[in-house]
Amino acid sequence: MLSAADIEGYTIPPSPDPSQGSGYVSKPNVTTGRTAEASHRRRKQEANFQCPIPGCKSTFTRSFNLKGHLRSHNEEKPFQCKWPGCGKGFARQHDCKRHEQLHSNFRPFLCDGCQKTFARMDALNRHRE
């Protein structure tokens, strides 16, 4: 298993709640441009599930991803934030979990330049640009 210390720029702050995790991640959240391009090409070639909504050209490699996507079209939000007083709904479970991390101020992505932390890798990447 890969430790968070093995990933450049990745830090996990002290957790106030043991249920927040052990400080280990299963894989790095970093890809090179070349691997990202290859992954994108492979996903497009293997995308056998197409959104049936007119005008939407989204395709997916797995049927459950299409099902989650369809919920975003019809406003179905079965996954509710469990944070007291929030209750915001989400079409996909992973979006709900990512949102819940914002409440706990879990910000594991560190900018080496200014030491600012971010909850998501894409926010850190936008900050760096």
N, C-alpha and C. Protein backbone atom coordinates (compact mmCIF):
# COMPACT_ATOMS: atom_id res chain seq x y z
N MET A 1 0.85 -1.18 0.00
CA MET A 1 0.00 0.00 0.00
C MET A 1 0.89 1.23 0.00
N LEU A 2 0.44 2.28 -0.64
CA LEU A 2 1.19 3.51 -0.80
C LEU A 2 0.84 4.46 0.33
N SER A 3 1.85 5.01 0.98
CA SER A 3 1.64 5.99 2.03
C SER A 3 1.44 7.36 1.42
N ALA A 4 0.69 8.22 2.09
CA ALA A 4 0.50 9.58 1.60
C ALA A 4 1.84 10.30 1.48
N ALA A 5 2.80 9.95 2.31
CA ALA A 5 4.12 10.57 2.27
C ALA A 5 4.86 10.24 0.97
N ASP A 6 4.46 9.18 0.29
CA ASP A 6 5.10 8.79 -0.97
C ASP A 6 4.64 9.62 -2.15
N ILE A 7 3.61 10.41 -1.98
CA ILE A 7 3.06 11.20 -3.09
C ILE A 7 3.49 12.64 -2.91
N GLU A 8 4.25 13.16 -3.86
CA GLU A 8 4.74 14.53 -3.77
C GLU A 8 3.59 15.52 -3.68
N GLY A 9 3.67 16.42 -2.71
CA GLY A 9 2.64 17.44 -2.56
C GLY A 9 1.38 16.96 -1.85
N TYR A 10 1.38 15.73 -1.35
CA TYR A 10 0.18 15.18 -0.73
C TYR A 10 0.41 15.09 0.77
N THR A 11 -0.40 15.80 1.52
CA THR A 11 -0.31 15.71 2.98
C THR A 11 -1.70 15.47 3.52
N ILE A 12 -1.76 14.80 4.65
CA ILE A 12 -3.04 14.59 5.32
C ILE A 12 -2.93 15.25 6.69
N PRO A 13 -3.78 16.23 6.97
CA PRO A 13 -3.71 16.91 8.26
C PRO A 13 -4.15 15.97 9.38
N PRO A 14 -3.78 16.31 10.62
CA PRO A 14 -4.24 15.49 11.74
C PRO A 14 -5.76 15.40 11.72
N SER A 15 -6.26 14.22 11.90
CA SER A 15 -7.70 14.00 11.82
C SER A 15 -8.33 14.08 13.20
N PRO A 16 -9.35 14.92 13.37
CA PRO A 16 -10.02 15.00 14.66
C PRO A 16 -10.89 13.79 14.94
N ASP A 17 -11.17 13.01 13.93
CA ASP A 17 -12.07 11.87 14.04
C ASP A 17 -11.39 10.64 13.44
N PRO A 18 -11.20 9.56 14.20
CA PRO A 18 -10.53 8.37 13.66
C PRO A 18 -11.21 7.79 12.43
N SER A 19 -12.50 8.06 12.25
CA SER A 19 -13.19 7.52 11.08
C SER A 19 -12.78 8.23 9.79
N GLN A 20 -11.98 9.29 9.90
CA GLN A 20 -11.56 10.04 8.72
C GLN A 20 -10.47 9.33 7.93
N GLY A 21 -9.87 8.30 8.48
CA GLY A 21 -8.88 7.57 7.70
C GLY A 21 -7.57 7.43 8.43
N SER A 22 -6.71 6.60 7.86
CA SER A 22 -5.45 6.26 8.52
C SER A 22 -4.26 7.03 7.99
N GLY A 23 -4.43 7.83 6.96
CA GLY A 23 -3.29 8.52 6.38
C GLY A 23 -2.71 7.80 5.19
N TYR A 24 -3.35 6.73 4.75
CA TYR A 24 -2.88 5.99 3.59
C TYR A 24 -3.86 6.15 2.45
N VAL A 25 -3.32 6.17 1.26
CA VAL A 25 -4.16 6.23 0.07
C VAL A 25 -3.85 5.02 -0.79
N SER A 26 -4.83 4.59 -1.57
CA SER A 26 -4.63 3.37 -2.35
C SER A 26 -3.90 3.62 -3.65
N LYS A 27 -3.92 4.85 -4.15
CA LYS A 27 -3.20 5.15 -5.38
C LYS A 27 -2.94 6.64 -5.45
N PRO A 28 -1.92 7.04 -6.18
CA PRO A 28 -1.66 8.48 -6.29
C PRO A 28 -2.72 9.15 -7.15
N ASN A 29 -2.96 10.41 -6.87
CA ASN A 29 -3.92 11.18 -7.65
C ASN A 29 -3.20 12.01 -8.70
N VAL A 30 -2.09 11.49 -9.19
CA VAL A 30 -1.28 12.22 -10.14
C VAL A 30 -1.06 11.35 -11.37
N THR A 31 -1.26 11.93 -12.55
CA THR A 31 -0.96 11.21 -13.78
C THR A 31 -0.14 12.11 -14.67
N THR A 32 0.64 11.51 -15.54
CA THR A 32 1.39 12.30 -16.51
C THR A 32 0.47 12.60 -17.67
N GLY A 33 0.84 13.58 -18.48
CA GLY A 33 0.04 13.91 -19.65
C GLY A 33 -0.12 12.74 -20.58
N ARG A 34 0.95 11.96 -20.74
CA ARG A 34 0.90 10.83 -21.67
C ARG A 34 -0.06 9.75 -21.18
N THR A 35 -0.02 9.42 -19.89
CA THR A 35 -0.93 8.39 -19.38
C THR A 35 -2.37 8.89 -19.37
N ALA A 36 -2.56 10.17 -19.12
CA ALA A 36 -3.91 10.73 -19.14
C ALA A 36 -4.49 10.66 -20.55
N GLU A 37 -3.67 10.97 -21.57
CA GLU A 37 -4.14 10.88 -22.96
C GLU A 37 -4.51 9.45 -23.33
N ALA A 38 -3.66 8.50 -22.97
CA ALA A 38 -3.92 7.09 -23.28
C ALA A 38 -5.20 6.63 -22.59
N SER A 39 -5.38 7.02 -21.35
CA SER A 39 -6.57 6.65 -20.60
C SER A 39 -7.82 7.25 -21.25
N HIS A 40 -7.73 8.49 -21.67
CA HIS A 40 -8.86 9.16 -22.33
C HIS A 40 -9.22 8.44 -23.64
N ARG A 41 -8.21 8.11 -24.44
CA ARG A 41 -8.46 7.40 -25.71
C ARG A 41 -9.12 6.05 -25.45
N ARG A 42 -8.60 5.32 -24.46
CA ARG A 42 -9.13 4.00 -24.14
C ARG A 42 -10.59 4.10 -23.68
N ARG A 43 -10.89 5.10 -22.85
CA ARG A 43 -12.27 5.28 -22.38
C ARG A 43 -13.20 5.58 -23.54
N LYS A 44 -12.77 6.40 -24.48
CA LYS A 44 -13.62 6.74 -25.63
C LYS A 44 -13.85 5.51 -26.52
N GLN A 45 -12.81 4.69 -26.70
CA GLN A 45 -12.94 3.50 -27.54
C GLN A 45 -13.82 2.44 -26.89
N GLU A 46 -13.78 2.35 -25.56
CA GLU A 46 -14.52 1.31 -24.85
C GLU A 46 -15.87 1.81 -24.32
N ALA A 47 -16.26 3.02 -24.66
CA ALA A 47 -17.50 3.60 -24.14
C ALA A 47 -18.70 3.04 -24.90
N ASN A 48 -19.24 1.94 -24.39
CA ASN A 48 -20.35 1.26 -25.05
C ASN A 48 -21.72 1.74 -24.59
N PHE A 49 -21.76 2.59 -23.56
CA PHE A 49 -23.04 3.06 -23.01
C PHE A 49 -23.19 4.55 -23.30
N GLN A 50 -24.17 4.88 -24.13
CA GLN A 50 -24.38 6.27 -24.55
C GLN A 50 -25.64 6.83 -23.92
N CYS A 51 -25.57 8.08 -23.50
CA CYS A 51 -26.73 8.75 -22.92
C CYS A 51 -27.82 8.90 -23.98
N PRO A 52 -29.05 8.47 -23.68
CA PRO A 52 -30.14 8.55 -24.66
C PRO A 52 -30.83 9.91 -24.71
N ILE A 53 -30.43 10.84 -23.87
CA ILE A 53 -31.07 12.16 -23.84
C ILE A 53 -30.66 12.95 -25.09
N PRO A 54 -31.63 13.45 -25.87
CA PRO A 54 -31.31 14.21 -27.08
C PRO A 54 -30.39 15.39 -26.78
N GLY A 55 -29.34 15.51 -27.57
CA GLY A 55 -28.38 16.59 -27.41
C GLY A 55 -27.23 16.28 -26.48
N CYS A 56 -27.35 15.24 -25.68
CA CYS A 56 -26.27 14.86 -24.77
C CYS A 56 -25.42 13.80 -25.45
N LYS A 57 -24.16 14.05 -25.56
CA LYS A 57 -23.27 13.12 -26.26
C LYS A 57 -22.38 12.33 -25.28
N SER A 58 -22.74 12.31 -24.01
CA SER A 58 -21.94 11.60 -23.01
C SER A 58 -21.96 10.10 -23.24
N THR A 59 -20.80 9.48 -23.10
CA THR A 59 -20.67 8.03 -23.22
C THR A 59 -19.92 7.50 -22.01
N PHE A 60 -20.14 6.22 -21.71
CA PHE A 60 -19.58 5.62 -20.50
C PHE A 60 -19.13 4.20 -20.78
N THR A 61 -18.13 3.76 -20.02
CA THR A 61 -17.63 2.39 -20.17
C THR A 61 -18.40 1.41 -19.30
N ARG A 62 -19.15 1.92 -18.33
CA ARG A 62 -19.89 1.04 -17.41
C ARG A 62 -21.35 1.51 -17.31
N SER A 63 -22.25 0.56 -17.22
CA SER A 63 -23.67 0.90 -17.18
C SER A 63 -24.03 1.69 -15.92
N PHE A 64 -23.38 1.39 -14.78
CA PHE A 64 -23.74 2.11 -13.56
C PHE A 64 -23.32 3.58 -13.64
N ASN A 65 -22.28 3.88 -14.42
CA ASN A 65 -21.91 5.29 -14.62
C ASN A 65 -22.97 6.02 -15.44
N LEU A 66 -23.51 5.33 -16.44
CA LEU A 66 -24.60 5.91 -17.23
C LEU A 66 -25.82 6.15 -16.34
N LYS A 67 -26.14 5.20 -15.47
CA LYS A 67 -27.29 5.35 -14.57
C LYS A 67 -27.14 6.58 -13.68
N GLY A 68 -25.94 6.77 -13.13
CA GLY A 68 -25.69 7.95 -12.31
C GLY A 68 -25.81 9.23 -13.12
N HIS A 69 -25.31 9.19 -14.34
CA HIS A 69 -25.39 10.35 -15.23
C HIS A 69 -26.85 10.68 -15.54
N LEU A 70 -27.66 9.67 -15.80
CA LEU A 70 -29.08 9.90 -16.12
C LEU A 70 -29.81 10.57 -14.95
N ARG A 71 -29.41 10.25 -13.72
CA ARG A 71 -30.03 10.91 -12.56
C ARG A 71 -29.76 12.41 -12.59
N SER A 72 -28.62 12.82 -13.14
CA SER A 72 -28.33 14.26 -13.21
C SER A 72 -29.25 14.96 -14.21
N HIS A 73 -29.73 14.24 -15.21
CA HIS A 73 -30.67 14.83 -16.18
C HIS A 73 -32.07 14.99 -15.57
N ASN A 74 -32.49 14.03 -14.77
CA ASN A 74 -33.87 14.08 -14.26
C ASN A 74 -33.97 14.61 -12.83
N GLU A 75 -32.89 15.23 -12.35
CA GLU A 75 -32.90 15.87 -11.03
C GLU A 75 -33.07 14.89 -9.86
N GLU A 76 -32.92 13.59 -10.10
CA GLU A 76 -33.01 12.61 -9.03
C GLU A 76 -31.74 12.69 -8.19
N LYS A 77 -31.89 12.86 -6.88
CA LYS A 77 -30.75 13.00 -5.98
C LYS A 77 -30.93 12.11 -4.76
N PRO A 78 -30.67 10.82 -4.92
CA PRO A 78 -30.92 9.88 -3.82
C PRO A 78 -29.86 9.90 -2.71
N PHE A 79 -28.73 10.54 -2.93
CA PHE A 79 -27.66 10.55 -1.94
C PHE A 79 -27.65 11.90 -1.22
N GLN A 80 -28.00 11.87 0.07
CA GLN A 80 -28.12 13.09 0.87
C GLN A 80 -26.92 13.26 1.79
N CYS A 81 -26.43 14.51 1.89
CA CYS A 81 -25.34 14.82 2.81
C CYS A 81 -25.83 14.56 4.23
N LYS A 82 -25.01 13.86 5.02
CA LYS A 82 -25.38 13.50 6.38
C LYS A 82 -24.94 14.54 7.41
N TRP A 83 -24.27 15.59 6.96
CA TRP A 83 -23.81 16.62 7.88
C TRP A 83 -25.03 17.34 8.49
N PRO A 84 -25.06 17.52 9.81
CA PRO A 84 -26.21 18.16 10.46
C PRO A 84 -26.54 19.52 9.85
N GLY A 85 -27.79 19.67 9.44
CA GLY A 85 -28.26 20.94 8.90
C GLY A 85 -28.00 21.15 7.42
N CYS A 86 -27.34 20.21 6.75
CA CYS A 86 -27.04 20.40 5.33
C CYS A 86 -28.11 19.73 4.47
N GLY A 87 -28.06 18.43 4.36
CA GLY A 87 -29.06 17.69 3.59
C GLY A 87 -29.02 17.87 2.09
N LYS A 88 -27.95 18.46 1.56
CA LYS A 88 -27.84 18.65 0.11
C LYS A 88 -27.87 17.29 -0.58
N GLY A 89 -28.54 17.22 -1.73
CA GLY A 89 -28.68 15.96 -2.45
C GLY A 89 -27.76 15.86 -3.65
N PHE A 90 -27.41 14.62 -4.00
CA PHE A 90 -26.51 14.36 -5.11
C PHE A 90 -27.00 13.17 -5.93
N ALA A 91 -26.74 13.21 -7.21
CA ALA A 91 -27.12 12.13 -8.11
C ALA A 91 -26.18 10.94 -7.97
N ARG A 92 -24.93 11.21 -7.60
CA ARG A 92 -23.92 10.15 -7.49
C ARG A 92 -23.34 10.11 -6.09
N GLN A 93 -23.12 8.91 -5.59
CA GLN A 93 -22.62 8.73 -4.23
C GLN A 93 -21.24 9.36 -4.05
N HIS A 94 -20.36 9.22 -5.04
CA HIS A 94 -19.01 9.77 -4.86
C HIS A 94 -19.04 11.30 -4.79
N ASP A 95 -20.00 11.94 -5.46
CA ASP A 95 -20.12 13.39 -5.35
C ASP A 95 -20.57 13.79 -3.94
N CYS A 96 -21.46 12.99 -3.36
CA CYS A 96 -21.93 13.25 -2.00
C CYS A 96 -20.78 13.09 -1.00
N LYS A 97 -20.00 12.03 -1.14
CA LYS A 97 -18.88 11.81 -0.22
C LYS A 97 -17.84 12.93 -0.34
N ARG A 98 -17.58 13.36 -1.56
CA ARG A 98 -16.62 14.45 -1.78
C ARG A 98 -17.14 15.73 -1.12
N HIS A 99 -18.44 16.00 -1.25
CA HIS A 99 -19.05 17.16 -0.62
C HIS A 99 -18.93 17.08 0.91
N GLU A 100 -19.20 15.91 1.48
CA GLU A 100 -19.15 15.75 2.94
C GLU A 100 -17.75 16.03 3.48
N GLN A 101 -16.73 15.74 2.70
CA GLN A 101 -15.36 16.03 3.14
C GLN A 101 -15.14 17.53 3.32
N LEU A 102 -15.84 18.35 2.55
CA LEU A 102 -15.69 19.80 2.68
C LEU A 102 -16.15 20.27 4.06
N HIS A 103 -17.20 19.66 4.60
CA HIS A 103 -17.68 20.03 5.93
C HIS A 103 -16.63 19.77 7.00
N SER A 104 -15.88 18.70 6.85
CA SER A 104 -14.89 18.33 7.87
C SER A 104 -13.57 19.07 7.68
N ASN A 105 -13.50 19.95 6.69
CA ASN A 105 -12.29 20.72 6.39
C ASN A 105 -11.11 19.81 6.06
N PHE A 106 -11.39 18.66 5.48
CA PHE A 106 -10.35 17.72 5.04
C PHE A 106 -9.75 18.27 3.75
N ARG A 107 -8.52 18.78 3.82
CA ARG A 107 -7.88 19.45 2.69
C ARG A 107 -6.49 18.83 2.49
N PRO A 108 -6.41 17.67 1.86
CA PRO A 108 -5.14 16.95 1.78
C PRO A 108 -4.19 17.40 0.67
N PHE A 109 -4.60 18.33 -0.19
CA PHE A 109 -3.76 18.71 -1.33
C PHE A 109 -3.08 20.05 -1.04
N LEU A 110 -1.76 20.03 -0.95
CA LEU A 110 -0.95 21.17 -0.53
C LEU A 110 -0.22 21.80 -1.70
N CYS A 111 -0.30 23.13 -1.81
CA CYS A 111 0.49 23.85 -2.80
C CYS A 111 1.88 24.05 -2.21
N ASP A 112 2.89 23.54 -2.88
CA ASP A 112 4.26 23.66 -2.40
C ASP A 112 4.73 25.12 -2.41
N GLY A 113 4.15 25.92 -3.30
CA GLY A 113 4.59 27.31 -3.44
C GLY A 113 4.13 28.21 -2.31
N CYS A 114 2.86 28.11 -1.91
CA CYS A 114 2.32 29.04 -0.91
C CYS A 114 1.77 28.35 0.34
N GLN A 115 1.81 27.04 0.38
CA GLN A 115 1.34 26.24 1.52
C GLN A 115 -0.18 26.25 1.70
N LYS A 116 -0.92 26.77 0.72
CA LYS A 116 -2.38 26.72 0.80
C LYS A 116 -2.83 25.29 0.55
N THR A 117 -3.88 24.86 1.23
CA THR A 117 -4.38 23.49 1.07
C THR A 117 -5.74 23.51 0.37
N PHE A 118 -6.03 22.37 -0.28
CA PHE A 118 -7.25 22.24 -1.06
C PHE A 118 -7.89 20.89 -0.78
N ALA A 119 -9.21 20.86 -0.88
CA ALA A 119 -9.95 19.62 -0.66
C ALA A 119 -9.86 18.70 -1.87
N ARG A 120 -9.63 19.28 -3.06
CA ARG A 120 -9.63 18.48 -4.28
C ARG A 120 -8.40 18.78 -5.13
N MET A 121 -7.92 17.74 -5.81
CA MET A 121 -6.75 17.88 -6.68
C MET A 121 -7.02 18.86 -7.82
N ASP A 122 -8.23 18.85 -8.39
CA ASP A 122 -8.51 19.76 -9.50
C ASP A 122 -8.47 21.22 -9.05
N ALA A 123 -8.87 21.49 -7.81
CA ALA A 123 -8.79 22.86 -7.29
C ALA A 123 -7.33 23.29 -7.13
N LEU A 124 -6.49 22.38 -6.65
CA LEU A 124 -5.06 22.67 -6.55
C LEU A 124 -4.47 22.93 -7.93
N ASN A 125 -4.83 22.12 -8.91
CA ASN A 125 -4.31 22.31 -10.26
C ASN A 125 -4.74 23.65 -10.85
N ARG A 126 -5.99 24.06 -10.61
CA ARG A 126 -6.45 25.38 -11.09
C ARG A 126 -5.67 26.49 -10.40
N HIS A 127 -5.41 26.33 -9.11
CA HIS A 127 -4.65 27.31 -8.33
C HIS A 127 -3.24 27.46 -8.90
N ARG A 128 -2.63 26.36 -9.30
CA ARG A 128 -1.26 26.38 -9.83
C ARG A 128 -1.18 27.05 -11.20
N GLU A 129 -2.27 27.05 -11.96
CA GLU A 129 -2.25 27.59 -13.34
C GLU A 129 -2.14 29.07 -13.39
